[in-house]
Amino acid sequence: MPVSPLPEVRVENVESLLMHLQRDFDSLSEVIWRQQAEIDTLKKEVQRLGERFATEVDGTEERDPLAEQPPHY
């Protein structure tokens, strides 16, 4: 029958594992927070571009491409 470690050693091992898990949890929480901030920024940008596109599509008058000069003139 194998000898089990002393209770103090087992408690230290559990505390060490818990400390590593807490560090990993904090690290992952920070990553999630940064990703959510980036998602929020991108949502606002997409909304702004959508509004800009809708304004330009709705507010444009009919153009005659043949009457316009090319950009190199």
C-alpha atoms as a PDB file:
ATOM      1  CA  MET A   1       0.000   0.000   0.000  1.00  0.00           C
ATOM      2  CA  PRO A   2       1.527   3.382  -1.033  1.00  0.00           C
ATOM      3  CA  VAL A   3       2.208   5.903   1.650  1.00  0.00           C
ATOM      4  CA  SER A   4       0.076   9.016   1.292  1.00  0.00           C
ATOM      5  CA  PRO A   5       1.744  12.393   1.826  1.00  0.00           C
ATOM      6  CA  LEU A   6       1.262  14.218   5.052  1.00  0.00           C
ATOM      7  CA  PRO A   7      -1.913  16.315   5.302  1.00  0.00           C
ATOM      8  CA  GLU A   8       0.183  19.505   5.407  1.00  0.00           C
ATOM      9  CA  VAL A   9       1.848  18.602   2.108  1.00  0.00           C
ATOM     10  CA  ARG A  10      -1.484  17.791   0.528  1.00  0.00           C
ATOM     11  CA  VAL A  11      -2.918  21.116   1.686  1.00  0.00           C
ATOM     12  CA  GLU A  12       0.111  22.964   0.281  1.00  0.00           C
ATOM     13  CA  ASN A  13      -0.359  21.193  -3.050  1.00  0.00           C
ATOM     14  CA  VAL A  14      -4.029  22.147  -3.157  1.00  0.00           C
ATOM     15  CA  GLU A  15      -3.198  25.758  -2.243  1.00  0.00           C
ATOM     16  CA  SER A  16      -0.565  25.868  -4.973  1.00  0.00           C
ATOM     17  CA  LEU A  17      -3.018  24.540  -7.544  1.00  0.00           C
ATOM     18  CA  LEU A  18      -5.634  27.005  -6.385  1.00  0.00           C
ATOM     19  CA  MET A  19      -3.153  29.876  -6.728  1.00  0.00           C
ATOM     20  CA  HIS A  20      -2.342  28.831 -10.313  1.00  0.00           C
ATOM     21  CA  LEU A  21      -6.027  28.501 -11.149  1.00  0.00           C
ATOM     22  CA  GLN A  22      -6.720  31.958  -9.727  1.00  0.00           C
ATOM     23  CA  ARG A  23      -3.905  33.456 -11.808  1.00  0.00           C
ATOM     24  CA  ASP A  24      -5.193  31.739 -14.952  1.00  0.00           C
ATOM     25  CA  PHE A  25      -8.737  32.872 -14.183  1.00  0.00           C
ATOM     26  CA  ASP A  26      -7.607  36.485 -13.737  1.00  0.00           C
ATOM     27  CA  SER A  27      -5.615  36.327 -16.956  1.00  0.00           C
ATOM     28  CA  LEU A  28      -8.544  34.932 -18.924  1.00  0.00           C
ATOM     29  CA  SER A  29     -10.903  37.486 -17.404  1.00  0.00           C
ATOM     30  CA  GLU A  30      -8.600  40.275 -18.603  1.00  0.00           C
ATOM     31  CA  VAL A  31      -8.530  38.806 -22.118  1.00  0.00           C
ATOM     32  CA  ILE A  32     -12.326  38.550 -22.173  1.00  0.00           C
ATOM     33  CA  TRP A  33     -12.657  42.144 -20.942  1.00  0.00           C
ATOM     34  CA  ARG A  34     -10.325  43.431 -23.689  1.00  0.00           C
ATOM     35  CA  GLN A  35     -12.137  41.394 -26.350  1.00  0.00           C
ATOM     36  CA  GLN A  36     -15.511  42.731 -25.223  1.00  0.00           C
ATOM     37  CA  ALA A  37     -14.186  46.292 -25.373  1.00  0.00           C
ATOM     38  CA  GLU A  38     -12.954  45.661 -28.915  1.00  0.00           C
ATOM     39  CA  ILE A  39     -16.288  44.094 -29.902  1.00  0.00           C
ATOM     40  CA  ASP A  40     -18.128  47.147 -28.548  1.00  0.00           C
ATOM     41  CA  THR A  41     -15.842  49.461 -30.532  1.00  0.00           C
ATOM     42  CA  LEU A  42     -16.324  47.444 -33.706  1.00  0.00           C
ATOM     43  CA  LYS A  43     -20.112  47.392 -33.247  1.00  0.00           C
ATOM     44  CA  LYS A  44     -20.136  51.184 -32.989  1.00  0.00           C
ATOM     45  CA  GLU A  45     -17.955  51.474 -36.093  1.00  0.00           C
ATOM     46  CA  VAL A  46     -20.193  49.128 -38.085  1.00  0.00           C
ATOM     47  CA  GLN A  47     -23.264  51.081 -36.976  1.00  0.00           C
ATOM     48  CA  ARG A  48     -21.607  54.372 -37.946  1.00  0.00           C
ATOM     49  CA  LEU A  49     -20.594  53.011 -41.358  1.00  0.00           C
ATOM     50  CA  GLY A  50     -24.073  51.579 -41.900  1.00  0.00           C
ATOM     51  CA  GLU A  51     -25.649  54.948 -41.149  1.00  0.00           C
ATOM     52  CA  ARG A  52     -23.156  56.696 -43.413  1.00  0.00           C
ATOM     53  CA  PHE A  53     -23.845  54.232 -46.217  1.00  0.00           C
ATOM     54  CA  ALA A  54     -27.603  54.613 -45.825  1.00  0.00           C
ATOM     55  CA  THR A  55     -27.271  58.403 -45.912  1.00  0.00           C
ATOM     56  CA  GLU A  56     -25.152  58.336 -49.043  1.00  0.00           C
ATOM     57  CA  VAL A  57     -27.407  55.861 -50.829  1.00  0.00           C
ATOM     58  CA  ASP A  58     -30.599  57.719 -49.925  1.00  0.00           C
ATOM     59  CA  GLY A  59     -29.217  61.216 -50.422  1.00  0.00           C
ATOM     60  CA  THR A  60     -27.531  60.811 -53.785  1.00  0.00           C
ATOM     61  CA  GLU A  61     -28.905  62.174 -56.944  1.00  0.00           C
ATOM     62  CA  GLU A  62     -28.687  60.306 -60.200  1.00  0.00           C
ATOM     63  CA  ARG A  63     -25.278  60.717 -61.804  1.00  0.00           C
ATOM     64  CA  ASP A  64     -24.326  60.437 -65.416  1.00  0.00           C
ATOM     65  CA  PRO A  65     -20.956  58.646 -65.429  1.00  0.00           C
ATOM     66  CA  LEU A  66     -20.416  59.623 -69.072  1.00  0.00           C
ATOM     67  CA  ALA A  67     -20.661  63.329 -68.212  1.00  0.00           C
ATOM     68  CA  GLU A  68     -18.004  63.106 -65.483  1.00  0.00           C
ATOM     69  CA  GLN A  69     -14.345  63.614 -66.237  1.00  0.00           C
ATOM     70  CA  PRO A  70     -11.997  60.801 -65.283  1.00  0.00           C
ATOM     71  CA  PRO A  71      -9.739  61.532 -62.292  1.00  0.00           C
ATOM     72  CA  HIS A  72      -6.612  61.941 -64.463  1.00  0.00           C
ATOM     73  CA  TYR A  73      -7.945  65.117 -66.127  1.00  0.00           C
END
